[in-house]
Amino acid sequence: MQIRCPMILQFLFLVLLIAAAGLFAKNISKIRRNILLGRDLDLSDQKGLRWMNLLKIALGQSKMAAKPIPFLLHLCLYVGFVIINIELIEIVIDGLAGTHRVFAPMMGSLYNFLIASFEWLAFLVLLACVVFLSRRNLIKLKRFTGTEMTKWPKSDANYILVIEILLMTAFLTMNAADAKLQFANVEHYIKAGSFPVSAFLQNILPNDAASLIAIERTCWWFHIIGIFAFLNYVPYSKHLHILFAFPASYYGSLHAKGKINNMQSVSNEVKAMLDPTFVPVQTESPGRFGAKDATDLNWKNLLDSYACTECGRCTSMCPANQTGKLLSPRKIMMDTRDRITEIGKNIDLHGKDFKDDKSLLDQYVSREELWACTTCNACTEACPINLDPLSIIIELRRYLVMEESAATASLNTMQSNIETNGTPWKFANSERANWTN
């Protein structure tokens, strides 16, 4: 294959590639650092079942199927964008070596099939993005709104859809110009690939070779630079779920829905009170009962916050939210992510011992939100990748009860009734079955 671009362009491509990869690695390492600021948690059990959950939930998107139309559109977007970017391998090699369609000679007719498949997938991605933009901005579905959906979250979703439309348009336009150059037997543009979708664009392109080369090269550079930019936009965006959905699904809870984990230190105390012969398992003394700040949560809670895609399915299924209460499980996830990100930035600026006198509780999540939760687990059940807002709510409420003795009056009354009467209601235990009469 002949060289088709000056050496300076190959060098420029190499610099862009290294810069994009380096910046992405740096940003991801910061996010990993932030996640590991959480409490330790051992989730190394039942690896086979965890891998099955990853394949079924994250890769297979089984829980998305609860809403068939969004599922099919998201599947087009997901599969199309991932598979199309397999071509990125060829683009990188061409950019570094100065070649053009380097895989075509070695793959033969298979190459034509792949390029044709990529084109149809690009069309499906375009279609899905247009529909998703319409759902957000024209139809204005209710679950895309809420107090937490401020200007940035709304814009973030639109930006990524527009970026994908531009990338797919550049890809198809590049192929259309390439096909016309191949047909005209222009040097370096060997006959390779099949172009069933971009063929419709060829009629609107000019016929002279110089203009076609300019269009093809412009779209080629726009496509690859766009991918590099997209790569480094993701760590700042809710679209980090593209990567983090996989570990979040792998490390998801394997317990029955709604099971609340006991604190081992508290369990030991209760068992010792009930059984004087009980010998407790040695555990580290908790620095704090429950969670006041994001660093009091475990690392899985923090991973979940970064994996959240802000789709709003959790909030739309929350009975407290449906009845007008302040609680939004999506907001809990977003607040947790924002707080641990703020802590990470403080570490970068001031060192790991810096304290900003702020906390997740009160500064981000209000007590009214926490006590509105019924612990029904509808949010976790609705989440497409099994994220668990409820566990964060439980830990924050544990802190209120066990550290501040700040349970609500109704909860204190219920606990007092259970202690004295054996029932949550204010009547004697002997009368608890009177309702049957």
Protein backbone atom coordinates (compact mmCIF):
# COMPACT_ATOMS: atom_id res chain seq x y z
CA MET A 1 0.00 0.00 0.00
CA GLN A 2 1.42 3.38 -0.96
CA ILE A 3 1.96 6.29 1.39
CA ARG A 4 -0.81 8.85 0.88
CA CYS A 5 0.01 11.63 3.35
CA PRO A 6 3.09 13.64 4.30
CA MET A 7 5.22 12.46 7.19
CA ILE A 8 4.18 15.52 9.20
CA LEU A 9 0.56 14.31 9.25
CA GLN A 10 1.67 10.89 10.50
CA PHE A 11 3.61 12.59 13.28
CA LEU A 12 0.61 14.80 14.10
CA PHE A 13 -1.61 11.73 14.28
CA LEU A 14 0.86 10.02 16.64
CA VAL A 15 0.92 13.07 18.93
CA LEU A 16 -2.91 13.22 19.01
CA LEU A 17 -3.14 9.49 19.74
CA ILE A 18 -0.66 9.64 22.63
CA ALA A 19 -2.24 12.80 24.06
CA ALA A 20 -5.78 11.40 23.89
CA ALA A 21 -4.80 8.05 25.43
CA GLY A 22 -2.67 9.70 28.12
CA LEU A 23 -5.36 12.20 29.15
CA PHE A 24 -8.00 9.47 29.25
CA ALA A 25 -5.80 7.24 31.41
CA LYS A 26 -5.12 10.14 33.78
CA ASN A 27 -8.83 10.96 34.19
CA ILE A 28 -9.82 7.33 34.71
CA SER A 29 -7.07 6.88 37.31
CA LYS A 30 -8.50 9.84 39.25
CA ILE A 31 -11.97 8.32 39.18
CA ARG A 32 -10.53 4.98 40.34
CA ARG A 33 -8.76 6.82 43.17
CA ASN A 34 -12.04 8.49 44.15
CA ILE A 35 -13.90 5.17 44.21
CA LEU A 36 -11.24 3.58 46.41
CA LEU A 37 -11.69 6.36 48.96
CA GLY A 38 -14.74 4.40 50.06
CA ARG A 39 -14.75 1.75 52.76
CA ASP A 40 -13.35 -1.66 51.92
CA LEU A 41 -15.81 -4.36 50.87
CA ASP A 42 -15.07 -7.94 49.88
CA LEU A 43 -17.03 -8.91 46.75
CA SER A 44 -14.76 -11.69 45.52
CA ASP A 45 -17.27 -14.51 46.07
CA GLN A 46 -19.23 -16.53 43.46
CA LYS A 47 -17.19 -15.39 40.48
CA GLY A 48 -19.14 -17.58 38.06
CA LEU A 49 -22.46 -15.98 38.97
CA ARG A 50 -20.90 -12.51 38.84
CA TRP A 51 -19.58 -13.12 35.32
CA MET A 52 -23.03 -14.35 34.33
CA ASN A 53 -24.58 -11.12 35.62
CA LEU A 54 -22.04 -9.07 33.69
CA LEU A 55 -22.79 -10.92 30.45
CA LYS A 56 -26.55 -10.88 30.94
CA ILE A 57 -27.14 -7.42 32.41
CA ALA A 58 -24.30 -5.20 31.12
CA LEU A 59 -23.45 -6.88 27.82
CA GLY A 60 -26.85 -8.44 27.05
CA GLN A 61 -28.86 -5.52 28.49
CA SER A 62 -31.52 -7.96 29.73
CA LYS A 63 -33.14 -5.47 32.13
CA MET A 64 -33.48 -2.85 29.37
CA ALA A 65 -35.98 -5.17 27.68
CA ALA A 66 -38.63 -4.15 30.23
CA LYS A 67 -39.30 -1.19 27.90
CA PRO A 68 -39.12 -2.73 24.38
CA ILE A 69 -38.95 0.41 22.21
CA PRO A 70 -36.18 2.18 24.18
CA PHE A 71 -34.45 -1.20 24.44
CA LEU A 72 -34.34 -1.68 20.66
CA LEU A 73 -33.20 1.89 20.05
CA HIS A 74 -30.52 1.66 22.73
CA LEU A 75 -29.42 -1.70 21.33
CA CYS A 76 -28.95 -0.10 17.89
CA LEU A 77 -26.96 2.72 19.47
CA TYR A 78 -24.90 0.42 21.67
CA VAL A 79 -24.10 -2.32 19.16
CA GLY A 80 -23.69 0.10 16.27
CA PHE A 81 -21.32 2.48 17.99
CA VAL A 82 -19.20 -0.31 19.51
CA ILE A 83 -18.89 -2.37 16.32
CA ILE A 84 -18.33 0.62 14.04
CA ASN A 85 -15.40 1.62 16.20
CA ILE A 86 -13.73 -1.69 15.42
CA GLU A 87 -12.79 0.19 12.26
CA LEU A 88 -10.82 2.45 14.57
CA ILE A 89 -8.07 -0.19 14.48
CA GLU A 90 -7.68 0.30 10.74
CA ILE A 91 -7.91 4.09 11.06
CA VAL A 92 -5.12 4.13 13.67
CA ILE A 93 -2.87 1.95 11.51
CA ASP A 94 -3.59 4.08 8.43
CA GLY A 95 -2.91 7.25 10.41
CA LEU A 96 0.41 6.02 11.75
CA ALA A 97 1.65 4.33 8.57
CA GLY A 98 0.20 6.72 6.01
CA THR A 99 -1.73 3.90 4.31
CA HIS A 100 -5.33 3.69 3.13
CA ARG A 101 -7.72 0.81 3.98
CA VAL A 102 -4.79 -1.34 5.04
CA PHE A 103 -6.95 -4.39 5.85
CA ALA A 104 -8.67 -4.55 2.45
CA PRO A 105 -6.05 -6.63 0.58
CA MET A 106 -5.76 -9.25 3.31
CA MET A 107 -9.50 -9.63 3.99
CA GLY A 108 -10.90 -9.65 0.44
CA SER A 109 -14.69 -10.02 0.18
CA LEU A 110 -15.01 -10.15 3.97
CA TYR A 111 -13.83 -6.54 4.05
CA ASN A 112 -16.67 -5.53 1.72
CA PHE A 113 -19.17 -7.27 4.00
CA LEU A 114 -17.79 -5.55 7.11
CA ILE A 115 -17.85 -2.06 5.60
CA ALA A 116 -21.43 -2.63 4.39
CA SER A 117 -22.40 -3.80 7.89
CA PHE A 118 -20.73 -0.77 9.45
CA GLU A 119 -22.72 1.50 7.16
CA TRP A 120 -26.08 -0.04 8.10
CA LEU A 121 -25.12 0.15 11.77
CA ALA A 122 -24.13 3.81 11.34
CA PHE A 123 -27.56 4.48 9.88
CA LEU A 124 -29.24 2.77 12.85
CA VAL A 125 -27.12 4.81 15.26
CA LEU A 126 -28.20 8.00 13.47
CA LEU A 127 -31.86 6.94 13.65
CA ALA A 128 -31.64 6.07 17.34
CA CYS A 129 -29.94 9.37 18.19
CA VAL A 130 -32.59 11.39 16.37
CA VAL A 131 -35.37 9.53 18.22
CA PHE A 132 -33.63 9.96 21.59
CA LEU A 133 -33.14 13.69 20.96
CA SER A 134 -36.83 13.98 20.09
CA ARG A 135 -37.86 12.12 23.24
CA ARG A 136 -35.81 14.50 25.38
CA ASN A 137 -36.47 17.82 23.67
CA LEU A 138 -39.77 17.54 21.77
CA ILE A 139 -41.84 14.89 23.57
CA LYS A 140 -40.13 15.79 26.89
CA LEU A 141 -40.69 12.54 28.74
CA LYS A 142 -41.32 13.12 32.43
CA ARG A 143 -38.50 10.86 33.65
CA PHE A 144 -35.95 13.13 31.97
CA THR A 145 -37.04 15.99 34.23
CA GLY A 146 -36.69 16.66 37.94
CA THR A 147 -35.02 19.05 40.35
CA GLU A 148 -31.70 17.26 39.91
CA MET A 149 -31.87 17.54 36.10
CA THR A 150 -30.32 20.99 35.96
CA LYS A 151 -28.82 22.66 32.91
CA TRP A 152 -25.67 20.50 32.79
CA PRO A 153 -27.31 17.03 33.03
CA LYS A 154 -29.80 18.00 30.32
CA SER A 155 -27.09 19.46 28.10
CA ASP A 156 -24.78 16.50 28.69
CA ALA A 157 -27.32 14.06 27.25
CA ASN A 158 -27.90 16.27 24.20
CA TYR A 159 -24.19 16.86 23.61
CA ILE A 160 -23.40 13.17 23.41
CA LEU A 161 -26.27 12.45 21.02
CA VAL A 162 -25.23 15.33 18.75
CA ILE A 163 -21.60 14.16 18.84
CA GLU A 164 -22.65 10.66 17.78
CA ILE A 165 -24.76 12.07 14.94
CA LEU A 166 -21.81 14.13 13.71
CA LEU A 167 -19.41 11.17 13.94
CA MET A 168 -21.73 8.87 12.00
CA THR A 169 -22.42 11.57 9.40
CA ALA A 170 -18.68 12.11 8.92
CA PHE A 171 -18.16 8.34 8.61
CA LEU A 172 -20.81 7.97 5.90
CA THR A 173 -19.70 11.11 4.03
CA MET A 174 -16.08 9.88 4.12
CA ASN A 175 -17.18 6.57 2.60
CA ALA A 176 -19.27 8.30 -0.06
CA ALA A 177 -16.31 10.42 -1.20
CA ASP A 178 -14.00 7.39 -1.00
CA ALA A 179 -16.34 5.35 -3.21
CA LYS A 180 -16.42 8.08 -5.89
CA LEU A 181 -12.63 8.35 -5.80
CA GLN A 182 -12.33 4.59 -6.19
CA PHE A 183 -14.68 4.65 -9.17
CA ALA A 184 -12.61 7.43 -10.76
CA ASN A 185 -9.42 5.36 -10.30
CA VAL A 186 -7.71 8.12 -8.31
CA GLU A 187 -4.25 7.09 -7.08
CA HIS A 188 -4.11 5.43 -3.64
CA TYR A 189 -7.91 4.89 -3.52
CA ILE A 190 -7.98 1.17 -4.23
CA LYS A 191 -11.32 -0.52 -4.90
CA ALA A 192 -12.33 -1.85 -1.50
CA GLY A 193 -15.49 -1.89 0.56
CA SER A 194 -19.20 -1.92 -0.12
CA PHE A 195 -21.24 1.24 0.49
CA PRO A 196 -25.02 0.56 0.54
CA VAL A 197 -25.94 3.58 2.69
CA SER A 198 -23.38 6.21 1.70
CA ALA A 199 -24.23 5.52 -1.96
CA PHE A 200 -27.23 7.82 -1.45
CA LEU A 201 -24.86 10.65 -0.52
CA GLN A 202 -22.67 10.32 -3.59
CA ASN A 203 -25.06 12.28 -5.81
CA ILE A 204 -24.73 15.42 -3.69
CA LEU A 205 -20.91 15.36 -3.71
CA PRO A 206 -18.82 17.11 -6.39
CA ASN A 207 -17.22 15.10 -9.18
CA ASP A 208 -13.73 16.57 -9.38
CA ALA A 209 -11.03 14.55 -7.65
CA ALA A 210 -9.46 17.45 -5.72
CA SER A 211 -12.75 18.36 -4.01
CA LEU A 212 -13.53 14.71 -3.23
CA ILE A 213 -10.08 14.17 -1.70
CA ALA A 214 -10.55 17.29 0.43
CA ILE A 215 -13.98 16.03 1.63
CA GLU A 216 -12.70 12.50 2.29
CA ARG A 217 -9.63 13.70 4.22
CA THR A 218 -11.62 16.31 6.19
CA CYS A 219 -14.20 13.72 7.24
CA TRP A 220 -11.44 11.19 8.06
CA TRP A 221 -9.69 13.64 10.37
CA PHE A 222 -12.99 14.88 11.84
CA HIS A 223 -14.03 11.30 12.59
CA ILE A 224 -10.82 10.29 14.34
CA ILE A 225 -10.37 13.59 16.22
CA GLY A 226 -14.03 13.37 17.21
CA ILE A 227 -13.46 9.90 18.65
CA PHE A 228 -10.41 11.12 20.59
CA ALA A 229 -12.46 14.04 21.93
CA PHE A 230 -15.39 11.76 22.78
CA LEU A 231 -13.01 9.45 24.65
CA ASN A 232 -11.90 12.30 26.90
CA TYR A 233 -15.38 13.77 27.29
CA VAL A 234 -16.72 10.51 28.75
CA PRO A 235 -14.96 10.78 32.17
CA TYR A 236 -16.73 14.11 32.75
CA SER A 237 -20.09 12.82 31.57
CA LYS A 238 -22.88 10.51 32.67
CA HIS A 239 -21.82 8.40 29.70
CA LEU A 240 -19.09 6.96 31.87
CA HIS A 241 -21.62 4.14 32.24
CA ILE A 242 -20.34 2.91 28.84
CA LEU A 243 -17.34 1.60 30.79
CA PHE A 244 -18.51 1.32 34.39
CA ALA A 245 -21.73 -0.60 33.71
CA PHE A 246 -19.58 -3.72 33.40
CA PRO A 247 -17.84 -3.66 36.81
CA ALA A 248 -21.05 -2.36 38.43
CA SER A 249 -22.97 -5.38 37.12
CA TYR A 250 -20.15 -7.77 38.04
CA TYR A 251 -19.96 -6.52 41.64
CA GLY A 252 -23.73 -6.16 42.03
CA SER A 253 -25.49 -7.71 45.01
CA LEU A 254 -26.15 -11.44 44.79
CA HIS A 255 -28.56 -11.37 47.73
CA ALA A 256 -32.33 -11.40 47.48
CA LYS A 257 -33.76 -8.01 46.63
CA GLY A 258 -34.40 -5.94 49.72
CA LYS A 259 -31.94 -7.71 52.01
CA ILE A 260 -30.26 -5.17 54.26
CA ASN A 261 -26.78 -5.99 55.48
CA ASN A 262 -26.22 -5.84 59.22
CA MET A 263 -23.24 -4.08 60.73
CA GLN A 264 -21.02 -6.81 62.14
CA SER A 265 -19.94 -4.76 65.16
CA VAL A 266 -23.57 -4.13 66.14
CA SER A 267 -24.55 -7.77 65.50
CA ASN A 268 -21.76 -8.91 67.84
CA GLU A 269 -23.06 -6.67 70.62
CA VAL A 270 -26.64 -7.95 70.25
CA LYS A 271 -25.54 -11.60 70.15
CA ALA A 272 -23.38 -11.12 73.22
CA MET A 273 -26.35 -9.63 75.10
CA LEU A 274 -28.59 -12.57 74.17
CA ASP A 275 -25.96 -15.28 74.68
CA PRO A 276 -23.28 -14.75 77.35
CA THR A 277 -21.25 -17.63 75.87
CA PHE A 278 -21.04 -15.97 72.46
CA VAL A 279 -17.49 -15.25 71.29
CA PRO A 280 -17.55 -12.43 68.70
CA VAL A 281 -15.52 -12.53 65.52
CA GLN A 282 -12.84 -9.89 65.73
CA THR A 283 -13.73 -6.99 63.46
CA GLU A 284 -12.28 -3.55 63.01
CA SER A 285 -14.13 -0.97 65.06
CA PRO A 286 -16.16 1.23 62.70
CA GLY A 287 -14.94 4.78 62.56
CA ARG A 288 -18.55 5.85 62.20
CA PHE A 289 -21.90 4.09 62.31
CA GLY A 290 -23.54 4.59 58.95
CA ALA A 291 -22.41 7.31 56.58
CA LYS A 292 -22.28 11.07 56.90
CA ASP A 293 -19.98 11.76 53.96
CA ALA A 294 -19.22 9.95 50.71
CA THR A 295 -16.00 8.44 52.10
CA ASP A 296 -18.08 6.64 54.78
CA LEU A 297 -19.79 4.64 52.03
CA ASN A 298 -18.17 1.51 50.62
CA TRP A 299 -16.36 1.55 47.29
CA LYS A 300 -19.24 -0.27 45.56
CA ASN A 301 -21.61 2.57 46.47
CA LEU A 302 -19.16 5.03 44.90
CA LEU A 303 -18.69 2.83 41.82
CA ASP A 304 -22.48 2.79 41.40
CA SER A 305 -22.60 6.58 41.53
CA TYR A 306 -20.13 6.84 38.64
CA ALA A 307 -21.92 4.10 36.67
CA CYS A 308 -25.30 5.89 36.85
CA THR A 309 -26.50 7.06 33.45
CA GLU A 310 -29.23 9.33 34.89
CA CYS A 311 -31.92 7.57 32.85
CA GLY A 312 -34.47 8.21 35.60
CA ARG A 313 -36.02 4.75 35.65
CA CYS A 314 -35.36 4.48 39.39
CA THR A 315 -37.08 7.79 40.13
CA SER A 316 -40.00 7.08 37.80
CA MET A 317 -40.70 3.84 39.73
CA CYS A 318 -40.21 5.33 43.21
CA PRO A 319 -43.58 5.42 45.04
CA ALA A 320 -42.39 8.25 47.28
CA ASN A 321 -41.49 10.36 44.25
CA GLN A 322 -44.77 9.48 42.54
CA THR A 323 -46.72 10.88 45.50
CA GLY A 324 -44.88 14.20 45.34
CA LYS A 325 -42.31 13.63 48.07
CA LEU A 326 -38.85 15.12 47.73
CA LEU A 327 -37.01 11.81 47.26
CA SER A 328 -35.43 10.99 43.88
CA PRO A 329 -33.14 7.93 43.84
CA ARG A 330 -31.43 9.36 40.73
CA LYS A 331 -30.57 12.50 42.70
CA ILE A 332 -29.07 10.36 45.49
CA MET A 333 -26.71 8.75 42.94
CA MET A 334 -25.83 12.07 41.30
CA ASP A 335 -25.23 13.76 44.67
CA THR A 336 -22.96 10.92 45.78
CA ARG A 337 -20.93 11.16 42.58
CA ASP A 338 -20.70 14.95 42.81
CA ARG A 339 -19.57 14.81 46.43
CA ILE A 340 -16.87 12.16 45.98
CA THR A 341 -15.64 14.03 42.89
CA GLU A 342 -15.43 17.21 44.96
CA ILE A 343 -13.44 15.33 47.62
CA GLY A 344 -11.07 14.05 44.92
CA LYS A 345 -10.53 17.56 43.58
CA ASN A 346 -9.76 18.78 47.10
CA ILE A 347 -7.15 16.03 47.45
CA ASP A 348 -5.54 17.09 44.16
CA LEU A 349 -5.45 20.75 45.22
CA HIS A 350 -4.76 20.58 48.95
CA GLY A 351 -3.60 17.05 49.83
CA LYS A 352 -5.33 14.00 51.29
CA ASP A 353 -5.74 15.47 54.79
CA PHE A 354 -7.72 18.52 53.66
CA LYS A 355 -11.19 18.92 55.19
CA ASP A 356 -13.71 21.27 53.61
CA ASP A 357 -16.30 21.07 56.44
CA LYS A 358 -18.90 19.76 54.01
CA SER A 359 -20.61 16.39 53.84
CA LEU A 360 -22.92 14.33 51.67
CA LEU A 361 -25.57 14.54 54.36
CA ASP A 362 -27.29 17.93 54.62
CA GLN A 363 -25.08 19.75 52.07
CA TYR A 364 -26.12 17.41 49.23
CA VAL A 365 -28.84 15.06 50.48
CA SER A 366 -31.49 16.43 52.82
CA ARG A 367 -32.99 14.54 55.75
CA GLU A 368 -36.44 14.95 54.25
CA GLU A 369 -35.31 12.99 51.21
CA LEU A 370 -33.91 10.17 53.33
CA TRP A 371 -37.00 9.70 55.49
CA ALA A 372 -39.30 9.77 52.45
CA CYS A 373 -37.84 6.42 51.34
CA THR A 374 -40.04 3.38 52.05
CA THR A 375 -37.14 0.93 51.38
CA CYS A 376 -39.36 -0.87 48.86
CA ASN A 377 -36.35 -1.45 46.56
CA ALA A 378 -38.24 -0.38 43.43
CA CYS A 379 -35.27 1.80 42.42
CA THR A 380 -32.79 -1.09 42.37
CA GLU A 381 -35.29 -3.33 40.61
CA ALA A 382 -35.86 -0.70 37.90
CA CYS A 383 -32.17 0.10 37.28
CA PRO A 384 -30.96 -1.36 33.95
CA ILE A 385 -27.59 -2.31 35.50
CA ASN A 386 -28.63 -3.15 39.09
CA LEU A 387 -27.28 -0.02 40.77
CA ASP A 388 -28.37 0.30 44.38
CA PRO A 389 -29.47 3.78 45.58
CA LEU A 390 -31.24 2.18 48.54
CA SER A 391 -28.00 1.04 50.19
CA ILE A 392 -26.74 4.65 50.20
CA ILE A 393 -30.01 5.87 51.73
CA ILE A 394 -29.81 3.16 54.41
CA GLU A 395 -26.26 4.12 55.37
CA LEU A 396 -27.15 7.82 55.66
CA ARG A 397 -30.18 6.97 57.80
CA ARG A 398 -28.04 4.69 59.99
CA TYR A 399 -25.83 7.66 60.74
CA LEU A 400 -28.82 9.79 61.71
CA VAL A 401 -30.18 7.13 64.06
CA MET A 402 -27.00 5.66 65.53
CA GLU A 403 -24.73 8.71 65.65
CA GLU A 404 -27.15 11.62 66.10
CA SER A 405 -30.20 9.84 67.59
CA ALA A 406 -32.13 11.85 65.03
CA ALA A 407 -34.83 9.39 64.01
CA THR A 408 -38.19 10.91 63.14
CA ALA A 409 -40.88 11.15 65.78
CA SER A 410 -43.04 8.53 64.07
CA LEU A 411 -40.11 6.10 63.93
CA ASN A 412 -39.30 6.67 67.61
CA THR A 413 -42.94 6.05 68.50
CA MET A 414 -42.98 2.81 66.51
CA GLN A 415 -39.78 1.56 68.14
CA SER A 416 -41.08 2.47 71.57
CA ASN A 417 -44.30 0.57 70.91
CA ILE A 418 -42.39 -2.49 69.74
CA GLU A 419 -40.21 -2.36 72.85
CA THR A 420 -43.14 -2.06 75.26
CA ASN A 421 -46.02 -3.78 73.44
CA GLY A 422 -44.35 -6.06 70.90
CA THR A 423 -46.28 -4.34 68.10
CA PRO A 424 -45.73 -1.13 66.12
CA TRP A 425 -49.15 0.11 67.28
CA LYS A 426 -50.15 1.49 70.65
CA PHE A 427 -52.10 -1.42 72.06
CA ALA A 428 -51.22 -4.47 74.13
CA ASN A 429 -49.69 -7.52 72.52
CA SER A 430 -52.65 -9.58 73.73
CA GLU A 431 -54.98 -7.43 71.62
CA ARG A 432 -53.05 -7.62 68.35
CA ALA A 433 -55.44 -10.17 66.79
CA ASN A 434 -58.64 -8.33 67.72
CA TRP A 435 -58.97 -7.00 64.19
CA THR A 436 -60.05 -10.50 63.06
CA ASN A 437 -63.29 -10.07 64.99
